[in-house]
């Protein structure tokens, strides 16, 4: 599923008799926004007549609803009549309130635009206090750095929200045995984000599909796998064939059900039914844009979809497995489910699984199943995870280092910041432990601290706080 395009509604509100050219200001802003559509990748739905009275507001709202806008910009070209904006405040989209600088600094006040933003925001908050309507402020003309910075963040967040609302997650198999910290309520997920989830698919369904493919289809898929990475000699040919069959099965299954995420119970059911680990096949799903977290983790799938919406690129999932106090770095690792685009210059090695398999009589290890063995490429990353109630969000950023990591999909990360704030390894241990953070960490390349904070505010989530290290025991702050 490609990232959806955001539809931005624009309505200009003017005072019936301010001396400045507020209508001309609105026309200028409207034209600038039209020119921004292509470079900022959004569709503009502009209501051209400026609104003066409440009935004008009703007509503007009807226009916005007919265009099914995702985000509405209420532009205060001058100080609007308070009742004119009441219908716009209740539009079925997220809301921004916008003003521009006064054209002069003395003499007769021309627009009083900022007072319009101030008054309109206050009306939304206090007149509609029982509706709890959030809004974001914007200031200055569309070609300014301030406006574009704030608008670009909002567009990325709106894409993520819209993608979530249209997302369908298929859970294959039950939550992995022992992962009791990852139980979720699908009703809460649907209510909060609009995500559809089906939890009743079985591992046996996928294995039956995998076994049914003709040899020529499997051979073609194997050729693709060989082109994507080098194959280690210790990978059993039988396991490589099963990887190809599972890749075909997962993709066709997702297409058939219109799923853009598969929460796969990757162990131990697949080993019981098909005698193989499915890590590499899951990594290939992540590469092509079908989000695939491990152990049937629904919260992680949701977080990865958010990243997919923010970036348009492939996120991954890791555990935080090691901490190095010498350089204040942490290691992100998982068996081998990262997308191939995450690999450094050495590329991907299709390797035998490191801890699913058995030793032979000569104590030689024989892994069952294929993993994407890679070191992560250097770059800024954002690590985020939410709790099972989809209510609290953990945000950590850092830089992937050129430092030898573990076998599997792995990378060391330094220059750590917790929601933009420096922290030490001891602070991080304390913050994770006291906040009771789940152990799966969806990750994306780039710094999305601003976007995740805005997402959380629109969705009324709480950002987990940094909790500095202390020598005494602490309880969660929530």
Protein backbone atom coordinates (compact mmCIF):
# COMPACT_ATOMS: atom_id res chain seq x y z
CA UNK A 1 0.00 0.00 0.00
CA UNK A 2 1.62 3.30 -1.07
CA UNK A 3 1.52 6.24 1.30
CA UNK A 4 -1.76 8.12 0.86
CA UNK A 5 -1.79 11.72 -0.31
CA UNK A 6 -3.05 14.19 2.27
CA UNK A 7 -5.93 16.47 1.28
CA UNK A 8 -5.51 19.90 2.86
CA UNK A 9 -8.54 22.15 3.12
CA UNK A 10 -8.07 25.93 3.10
CA UNK A 11 -10.63 28.48 4.26
CA UNK A 12 -9.96 32.20 4.59
CA UNK A 13 -11.83 34.24 7.20
CA UNK A 14 -12.01 38.05 7.03
CA UNK A 15 -13.47 40.92 9.04
CA UNK A 16 -16.42 42.70 7.41
CA UNK A 17 -14.73 46.10 7.59
CA UNK A 18 -11.01 45.99 8.40
CA UNK A 19 -9.16 48.66 6.35
CA UNK A 20 -6.43 46.33 5.03
CA UNK A 21 -6.69 44.21 1.88
CA UNK A 22 -7.53 40.97 3.68
CA UNK A 23 -9.22 39.52 0.59
CA UNK A 24 -6.06 40.18 -1.41
CA UNK A 25 -3.94 38.58 1.32
CA UNK A 26 -6.11 35.46 1.18
CA UNK A 27 -5.80 35.28 -2.62
CA UNK A 28 -2.01 35.56 -2.30
CA UNK A 29 -1.89 32.79 0.29
CA UNK A 30 -4.23 30.58 -1.74
CA UNK A 31 -2.05 30.89 -4.85
CA UNK A 32 1.13 30.15 -2.88
CA UNK A 33 -0.46 27.03 -1.40
CA UNK A 34 -1.45 25.85 -4.87
CA UNK A 35 2.17 26.16 -5.98
CA UNK A 36 3.32 24.12 -2.96
CA UNK A 37 1.18 21.08 -3.79
CA UNK A 38 3.73 19.25 -5.94
CA UNK A 39 6.92 19.90 -3.92
CA UNK A 40 5.20 19.13 -0.62
CA UNK A 41 3.09 16.28 -2.05
CA UNK A 42 -0.42 17.20 -0.96
CA UNK A 43 -3.73 18.03 -2.60
CA UNK A 44 -5.25 21.43 -1.88
CA UNK A 45 -9.00 21.87 -1.49
CA UNK A 46 -9.36 25.65 -1.28
CA UNK A 47 -12.70 27.31 -0.57
CA UNK A 48 -12.24 30.44 -2.62
CA UNK A 49 -14.80 32.93 -1.24
CA UNK A 50 -13.54 34.36 2.07
CA UNK A 51 -16.02 33.80 4.89
CA UNK A 52 -17.52 36.73 6.83
CA UNK A 53 -20.67 35.38 8.46
CA UNK A 54 -21.84 32.16 10.08
CA UNK A 55 -23.74 31.03 6.98
CA UNK A 56 -20.53 31.49 4.97
CA UNK A 57 -18.86 29.17 7.47
CA UNK A 58 -21.60 26.57 7.01
CA UNK A 59 -21.12 26.62 3.24
CA UNK A 60 -17.35 26.37 3.61
CA UNK A 61 -17.70 23.41 5.95
CA UNK A 62 -20.02 21.64 3.49
CA UNK A 63 -17.36 22.13 0.80
CA UNK A 64 -14.63 20.69 3.04
CA UNK A 65 -16.77 17.69 3.96
CA UNK A 66 -17.55 17.02 0.30
CA UNK A 67 -13.82 16.96 -0.46
CA UNK A 68 -13.11 14.65 2.52
CA UNK A 69 -10.19 16.76 3.65
CA UNK A 70 -7.70 15.32 6.13
CA UNK A 71 -6.45 18.62 7.53
CA UNK A 72 -8.11 22.04 7.47
CA UNK A 73 -6.22 25.32 7.57
CA UNK A 74 -8.42 28.13 8.85
CA UNK A 75 -6.59 31.23 7.63
CA UNK A 76 -7.31 34.44 9.54
CA UNK A 77 -6.58 36.99 6.83
CA UNK A 78 -7.88 39.55 9.32
CA UNK A 79 -9.78 39.39 12.60
CA UNK A 80 -12.75 37.14 11.72
CA UNK A 81 -16.28 37.39 13.05
CA UNK A 82 -16.34 34.82 15.85
CA UNK A 83 -19.51 33.04 14.80
CA UNK A 84 -18.27 32.64 11.23
CA UNK A 85 -15.59 30.23 12.35
CA UNK A 86 -17.83 28.04 14.53
CA UNK A 87 -18.78 25.65 11.68
CA UNK A 88 -15.13 25.31 10.62
CA UNK A 89 -14.09 24.34 14.15
CA UNK A 90 -16.43 21.34 13.91
CA UNK A 91 -15.18 20.11 10.52
CA UNK A 92 -14.49 16.37 10.27
CA UNK A 93 -10.74 16.77 9.96
CA UNK A 94 -7.77 17.89 12.00
CA UNK A 95 -7.50 21.65 12.35
CA UNK A 96 -4.84 24.32 11.93
CA UNK A 97 -5.36 28.02 12.67
CA UNK A 98 -3.16 30.42 10.75
CA UNK A 99 -2.28 34.10 10.74
CA UNK A 100 0.25 36.37 9.03
CA UNK A 101 2.28 39.39 10.18
CA UNK A 102 0.74 42.84 10.22
CA UNK A 103 1.78 44.73 7.04
CA UNK A 104 2.69 47.89 8.98
CA UNK A 105 4.03 48.72 12.43
CA UNK A 106 2.25 52.03 12.99
CA UNK A 107 -0.73 54.08 11.91
CA UNK A 108 -4.11 52.47 11.32
CA UNK A 109 -4.19 48.75 12.13
CA UNK A 110 -4.71 46.99 8.79
CA UNK A 111 -5.52 43.30 9.40
CA UNK A 112 -5.32 42.29 13.06
CA UNK A 113 -4.56 38.79 11.74
CA UNK A 114 -2.66 37.47 14.76
CA UNK A 115 -5.47 38.56 17.06
CA UNK A 116 -7.66 36.47 14.78
CA UNK A 117 -5.53 33.40 15.47
CA UNK A 118 -5.55 34.20 19.18
CA UNK A 119 -9.31 34.74 19.36
CA UNK A 120 -10.18 31.80 17.12
CA UNK A 121 -8.05 29.40 19.15
CA UNK A 122 -9.69 30.65 22.32
CA UNK A 123 -13.17 30.21 20.85
CA UNK A 124 -12.36 26.64 19.81
CA UNK A 125 -11.07 25.88 23.30
CA UNK A 126 -13.70 27.62 25.42
CA UNK A 127 -16.91 27.80 23.40
CA UNK A 128 -16.47 24.17 22.34
CA UNK A 129 -14.89 23.11 25.61
CA UNK A 130 -16.95 19.91 25.77
CA UNK A 131 -15.67 18.78 22.37
CA UNK A 132 -11.95 18.86 23.17
CA UNK A 133 -10.91 20.02 19.68
CA UNK A 134 -7.12 20.07 19.21
CA UNK A 135 -5.53 22.49 16.76
CA UNK A 136 -2.07 23.54 15.59
CA UNK A 137 -1.06 27.16 15.05
CA UNK A 138 0.66 28.46 11.93
CA UNK A 139 2.18 31.87 11.37
CA UNK A 140 3.60 33.85 8.44
CA UNK A 141 3.35 33.42 4.68
CA UNK A 142 3.72 30.05 2.91
CA UNK A 143 7.18 30.83 1.52
CA UNK A 144 8.72 31.43 4.97
CA UNK A 145 10.90 28.94 6.85
CA UNK A 146 8.65 29.01 9.92
CA UNK A 147 5.50 28.11 8.03
CA UNK A 148 7.16 25.45 5.89
CA UNK A 149 8.87 23.77 8.84
CA UNK A 150 5.62 23.43 10.77
CA UNK A 151 3.57 22.51 7.70
CA UNK A 152 6.02 19.80 6.56
CA UNK A 153 5.89 18.13 9.99
CA UNK A 154 2.10 18.17 9.94
CA UNK A 155 1.91 16.72 6.43
CA UNK A 156 4.10 13.78 7.43
CA UNK A 157 2.00 13.17 10.53
CA UNK A 158 -1.25 13.39 8.56
CA UNK A 159 0.09 10.80 6.10
CA UNK A 160 0.84 8.48 9.01
CA UNK A 161 -2.60 9.01 10.55
CA UNK A 162 -4.31 8.47 7.19
CA UNK A 163 -2.25 5.36 6.47
CA UNK A 164 -3.16 3.92 9.87
CA UNK A 165 -6.83 4.64 9.34
CA UNK A 166 -6.73 2.67 6.08
CA UNK A 167 -4.47 -0.11 7.37
CA UNK A 168 -5.31 -3.77 7.69
CA UNK A 169 -3.21 -6.06 9.87
CA UNK A 170 -3.37 -9.82 9.49
CA UNK A 171 -2.15 -11.76 12.50
CA UNK A 172 -0.78 -15.18 11.56
CA UNK A 173 -0.76 -17.53 14.51
CA UNK A 174 -1.18 -16.63 18.15
CA UNK A 175 1.00 -14.28 20.16
CA UNK A 176 4.35 -16.01 20.59
CA UNK A 177 4.39 -18.21 23.67
CA UNK A 178 5.91 -16.39 26.63
CA UNK A 179 5.49 -12.86 25.25
CA UNK A 180 2.87 -12.01 27.83
CA UNK A 181 3.81 -8.32 27.80
CA UNK A 182 2.37 -7.92 24.30
CA UNK A 183 -1.31 -8.70 24.72
CA UNK A 184 -3.46 -6.05 23.04
CA UNK A 185 -7.17 -5.36 22.60
CA UNK A 186 -8.10 -5.07 18.93
CA UNK A 187 -11.11 -2.92 19.87
CA UNK A 188 -8.84 -0.30 21.45
CA UNK A 189 -6.63 -0.31 18.35
CA UNK A 190 -9.59 0.20 16.02
CA UNK A 191 -11.13 2.93 18.17
CA UNK A 192 -7.90 4.91 18.57
CA UNK A 193 -6.39 4.64 15.09
CA UNK A 194 -9.04 3.07 12.84
CA UNK A 195 -6.82 0.05 12.11
CA UNK A 196 -8.55 -3.18 11.10
CA UNK A 197 -7.06 -6.41 12.43
CA UNK A 198 -7.91 -10.05 11.85
CA UNK A 199 -6.39 -12.42 14.40
CA UNK A 200 -7.78 -15.76 13.27
CA UNK A 201 -5.32 -16.79 10.55
CA UNK A 202 -3.17 -19.81 11.31
CA UNK A 203 0.40 -20.84 10.63
CA UNK A 204 -1.01 -23.97 9.02
CA UNK A 205 -2.80 -21.77 6.43
CA UNK A 206 0.49 -20.21 5.34
CA UNK A 207 2.41 -23.49 5.30
CA UNK A 208 -0.27 -25.11 3.13
CA UNK A 209 0.05 -22.23 0.68
CA UNK A 210 3.84 -22.48 0.70
CA UNK A 211 3.79 -26.19 -0.09
CA UNK A 212 1.37 -25.72 -2.99
CA UNK A 213 3.56 -23.57 -5.27
CA UNK A 214 4.85 -25.10 -8.49
CA UNK A 215 8.59 -25.62 -8.82
CA UNK A 216 8.95 -23.03 -11.60
CA UNK A 217 7.45 -20.30 -9.38
CA UNK A 218 9.78 -21.29 -6.55
CA UNK A 219 12.80 -21.26 -8.87
CA UNK A 220 11.94 -17.74 -10.04
CA UNK A 221 11.67 -16.57 -6.42
CA UNK A 222 15.00 -18.20 -5.57
CA UNK A 223 16.62 -16.26 -8.39
CA UNK A 224 15.34 -13.01 -6.84
CA UNK A 225 16.68 -14.03 -3.43
CA UNK A 226 20.11 -14.77 -4.89
CA UNK A 227 20.14 -11.34 -6.55
CA UNK A 228 19.29 -9.60 -3.26
CA UNK A 229 22.14 -11.04 -1.19
CA UNK A 230 24.91 -13.61 -0.98
CA UNK A 231 24.02 -17.10 0.24
CA UNK A 232 26.22 -18.61 2.95
CA UNK A 233 27.44 -22.15 2.37
CA UNK A 234 25.97 -23.38 5.65
CA UNK A 235 22.39 -22.62 4.54
CA UNK A 236 20.61 -25.88 3.74
CA UNK A 237 19.12 -25.95 0.24
CA UNK A 238 15.88 -27.25 1.72
CA UNK A 239 15.65 -24.21 4.00
CA UNK A 240 16.41 -21.85 1.13
CA UNK A 241 13.58 -23.38 -0.87
CA UNK A 242 11.24 -23.03 2.10
CA UNK A 243 12.25 -19.37 2.39
CA UNK A 244 11.23 -18.84 -1.24
CA UNK A 245 7.96 -20.69 -0.75
CA UNK A 246 7.13 -18.73 2.40
CA UNK A 247 7.98 -15.44 0.67
CA UNK A 248 5.50 -16.25 -2.08
CA UNK A 249 2.89 -17.39 0.43
CA UNK A 250 3.16 -14.30 2.64
CA UNK A 251 2.97 -11.86 -0.27
CA UNK A 252 0.06 -13.59 -1.99
CA UNK A 253 -1.78 -13.94 1.32
CA UNK A 254 -1.33 -10.22 2.06
CA UNK A 255 -2.53 -9.24 -1.42
CA UNK A 256 -5.53 -11.55 -1.23
CA UNK A 257 -6.70 -10.01 2.04
CA UNK A 258 -5.50 -6.47 1.27
CA UNK A 259 -3.20 -6.46 4.31
CA UNK A 260 -0.37 -3.93 4.52
CA UNK A 261 0.96 -5.52 7.72
CA UNK A 262 1.39 -9.12 8.85
CA UNK A 263 1.97 -9.78 12.55
CA UNK A 264 3.59 -13.19 12.29
CA UNK A 265 4.00 -15.65 15.14
CA UNK A 266 7.44 -16.53 13.84
CA UNK A 267 8.24 -19.04 16.55
CA UNK A 268 7.76 -21.66 17.70
CA UNK A 269 4.73 -22.69 15.64
CA UNK A 270 6.48 -22.44 12.26
CA UNK A 271 9.23 -24.71 13.53
CA UNK A 272 6.65 -27.24 14.72
CA UNK A 273 4.67 -27.20 11.48
CA UNK A 274 7.33 -26.53 8.81
CA UNK A 275 10.64 -27.17 10.65
CA UNK A 276 12.02 -23.78 9.66
CA UNK A 277 12.47 -20.21 10.91
CA UNK A 278 10.86 -17.50 8.78
CA UNK A 279 13.08 -14.48 9.56
CA UNK A 280 14.48 -13.80 6.09
CA UNK A 281 11.06 -14.09 4.45
CA UNK A 282 9.77 -11.53 6.94
CA UNK A 283 12.67 -9.20 6.17
CA UNK A 284 11.75 -9.36 2.50
CA UNK A 285 8.19 -8.38 3.42
CA UNK A 286 9.52 -5.34 5.26
CA UNK A 287 11.62 -4.46 2.21
CA UNK A 288 8.64 -4.32 -0.16
CA UNK A 289 6.46 -2.31 2.22
CA UNK A 290 4.42 -5.01 3.96
CA UNK A 291 5.16 -4.37 7.62
CA UNK A 292 6.15 -7.61 9.37
CA UNK A 293 7.05 -7.51 13.08
CA UNK A 294 8.17 -10.58 14.98
CA UNK A 295 6.26 -12.73 17.48
CA UNK A 296 2.82 -11.44 16.34
CA UNK A 297 3.44 -8.09 18.06
CA UNK A 298 0.42 -5.93 17.17
CA UNK A 299 1.66 -2.79 18.95
CA UNK A 300 4.95 -3.03 17.04
CA UNK A 301 3.06 -3.49 13.77
CA UNK A 302 1.15 -0.30 14.52
CA UNK A 303 4.33 1.61 15.33
CA UNK A 304 5.99 0.34 12.15
CA UNK A 305 2.98 1.50 10.13
CA UNK A 306 3.36 4.95 11.69
CA UNK A 307 7.00 4.99 10.59
CA UNK A 308 5.98 3.81 7.14
CA UNK A 309 3.54 6.71 6.91
CA UNK A 310 6.08 9.26 8.15
CA UNK A 311 8.92 8.16 5.90
CA UNK A 312 7.49 6.25 2.95
CA UNK A 313 10.37 3.84 3.55
CA UNK A 314 10.91 0.50 5.27
CA UNK A 315 11.12 0.37 9.08
CA UNK A 316 12.46 -2.57 11.05
CA UNK A 317 12.11 -4.15 14.48
CA UNK A 318 14.84 -4.87 17.02
CA UNK A 319 15.50 -5.79 20.61
CA UNK A 320 17.86 -3.63 22.63
CA UNK A 321 20.38 -6.32 23.56
CA UNK A 322 23.64 -4.70 24.66
CA UNK A 323 24.93 -1.45 26.14
CA UNK A 324 28.51 -0.17 25.93
CA UNK A 325 29.36 2.40 28.59
CA UNK A 326 32.76 3.06 27.01
CA UNK A 327 31.23 4.96 24.10
CA UNK A 328 27.68 5.32 25.49
CA UNK A 329 26.19 3.19 22.72
CA UNK A 330 23.45 0.58 22.52
CA UNK A 331 23.01 -2.39 20.22
CA UNK A 332 19.84 -3.03 18.25
CA UNK A 333 19.50 -6.65 17.17
CA UNK A 334 17.07 -9.26 15.99
CA UNK A 335 17.47 -12.68 14.43
CA UNK A 336 17.41 -11.41 10.86
CA UNK A 337 14.22 -9.59 9.86
CA UNK A 338 15.60 -6.22 8.74
CA UNK A 339 14.86 -5.11 5.17
CA UNK A 340 17.77 -5.39 2.76
CA UNK A 341 17.90 -1.60 2.33
CA UNK A 342 19.18 -1.39 5.92
CA UNK A 343 22.43 -3.21 5.13
CA UNK A 344 25.74 -1.38 5.05
CA UNK A 345 28.12 -1.54 2.09
CA UNK A 346 28.79 -5.23 2.77
CA UNK A 347 25.20 -6.06 1.85
CA UNK A 348 23.00 -8.91 3.04
CA UNK A 349 24.13 -12.46 3.67
CA UNK A 350 21.40 -15.08 3.64
CA UNK A 351 22.61 -17.18 6.55
CA UNK A 352 21.45 -20.12 8.65
CA UNK A 353 19.60 -19.25 11.84
CA UNK A 354 21.86 -18.78 14.86
CA UNK A 355 19.68 -20.14 17.66
CA UNK A 356 16.91 -22.15 16.01
CA UNK A 357 18.33 -25.54 15.02
CA UNK A 358 20.51 -28.18 16.64
CA UNK A 359 24.07 -29.46 17.05
CA UNK A 360 25.10 -32.71 15.39
CA UNK A 361 27.19 -35.47 16.96
CA UNK A 362 30.38 -33.55 16.12
CA UNK A 363 29.06 -30.44 17.88
CA UNK A 364 28.55 -28.64 14.57
CA UNK A 365 25.63 -26.21 14.51
CA UNK A 366 22.88 -26.66 11.92
CA UNK A 367 20.48 -23.71 11.88
CA UNK A 368 16.97 -24.32 10.59
CA UNK A 369 15.77 -21.47 8.45
CA UNK A 370 17.33 -18.43 6.80
CA UNK A 371 18.07 -15.03 8.32
CA UNK A 372 19.08 -11.69 6.80
CA UNK A 373 22.55 -11.35 8.33
CA UNK A 374 23.65 -7.71 8.05
CA UNK A 375 25.27 -4.79 9.79
CA UNK A 376 23.09 -1.69 9.69
CA UNK A 377 24.24 1.17 7.47
CA UNK A 378 25.37 4.40 9.18
CA UNK A 379 22.77 7.11 9.66
CA UNK A 380 20.39 8.83 12.04
CA UNK A 381 17.64 6.57 13.41
CA UNK A 382 14.51 7.01 15.49
CA UNK A 383 13.48 4.25 17.87
CA UNK A 384 9.89 4.32 19.10
CA UNK A 385 7.57 1.92 20.85
CA UNK A 386 4.12 2.23 22.35
CA UNK A 387 2.46 0.34 25.15
CA UNK A 388 -0.24 -2.32 24.79
CA UNK A 389 -3.04 0.21 25.33
CA UNK A 390 -1.66 2.45 22.56
CA UNK A 391 -1.55 5.26 25.11
CA UNK A 392 2.13 5.91 25.92
CA UNK A 393 4.99 6.47 23.47
CA UNK A 394 8.76 6.03 23.92
CA UNK A 395 11.00 8.14 21.61
CA UNK A 396 14.77 7.68 21.30
CA UNK A 397 17.15 8.88 18.57
CA UNK A 398 20.78 8.19 17.76
CA UNK A 399 23.33 7.50 15.05
CA UNK A 400 24.14 4.03 13.71
CA UNK A 401 27.89 3.56 14.07
CA UNK A 402 30.49 1.85 11.92
CA UNK A 403 31.18 -0.59 14.74
CA UNK A 404 31.15 -4.36 14.44
CA UNK A 405 27.82 -5.72 15.64
CA UNK A 406 26.30 -9.12 16.36
CA UNK A 407 25.39 -11.85 13.89
CA UNK A 408 21.85 -11.33 12.65
CA UNK A 409 20.34 -7.93 11.78
CA UNK A 410 22.24 -5.60 14.07
CA UNK A 411 23.83 -2.21 14.61
CA UNK A 412 25.40 -0.10 17.35
CA UNK A 413 23.84 3.33 18.00
CA UNK A 414 25.43 6.28 19.80
CA UNK A 415 24.72 10.02 20.34
CA UNK A 416 21.55 9.00 22.15
CA UNK A 417 18.80 11.51 22.82
CA UNK A 418 15.57 10.75 24.62
CA UNK A 419 12.86 12.87 23.01
CA UNK A 420 15.55 15.39 22.10
CA UNK A 421 17.30 15.35 25.48
CA UNK A 422 20.76 13.92 26.14
CA UNK A 423 20.94 10.89 28.39
CA UNK A 424 23.51 8.40 29.65
CA UNK A 425 23.34 4.63 29.46
CA UNK A 426 22.33 4.52 33.13
CA UNK A 427 19.60 7.08 32.45
CA UNK A 428 18.36 4.91 29.59
CA UNK A 429 18.27 1.74 31.69
CA UNK A 430 16.38 3.62 34.38
CA UNK A 431 13.97 5.26 31.92
CA UNK A 432 13.12 1.95 30.23
CA UNK A 433 12.76 0.02 33.47
CA UNK A 434 10.81 2.57 35.49
CA UNK A 435 8.49 3.39 32.56
CA UNK A 436 7.90 -0.37 32.03
CA UNK A 437 8.69 -0.13 28.31
CA UNK A 438 8.02 -3.17 26.09
CA UNK A 439 11.14 -4.87 24.74
CA UNK A 440 10.43 -4.57 21.00
CA UNK A 441 11.76 -1.40 19.37
CA UNK A 442 10.43 -0.41 15.94
CA UNK A 443 13.04 1.75 14.23
CA UNK A 444 13.28 3.97 11.14
CA UNK A 445 16.08 5.92 9.50
CA UNK A 446 15.79 9.67 10.13
CA UNK A 447 14.96 11.90 13.08
CA UNK A 448 11.21 11.96 13.65
CA UNK A 449 11.12 13.41 17.14
CA UNK A 450 8.93 16.32 16.05
CA UNK A 451 6.59 14.12 14.05
CA UNK A 452 6.10 11.55 16.82
CA UNK A 453 5.40 14.28 19.36
CA UNK A 454 2.81 15.82 17.06
CA UNK A 455 1.29 12.41 16.32
CA UNK A 456 0.99 11.75 20.05
CA UNK A 457 -0.68 15.11 20.64
CA UNK A 458 -3.26 14.64 17.90
CA UNK A 459 -3.99 11.14 19.20
CA UNK A 460 -3.96 12.18 22.86
CA UNK A 461 -1.10 9.86 23.76
CA UNK A 462 1.44 10.54 26.49
CA UNK A 463 5.14 10.81 25.71
CA UNK A 464 7.10 8.78 28.23
CA UNK A 465 9.44 11.00 30.26
CA UNK A 466 13.17 10.63 30.71
CA UNK A 467 13.77 9.40 34.26
CA UNK A 468 17.36 10.19 35.29
CA UNK A 469 19.30 7.49 37.06
CA UNK A 470 19.08 7.30 40.85
CA UNK A 471 20.37 4.70 43.29
CA UNK A 472 16.93 4.19 44.83
CA UNK A 473 13.94 2.21 43.54
CA UNK A 474 11.35 4.23 41.60
CA UNK A 475 7.73 3.61 40.63
CA UNK A 476 6.30 4.58 37.23
CA UNK A 477 5.29 8.25 36.99
CA UNK A 478 1.90 7.42 35.47
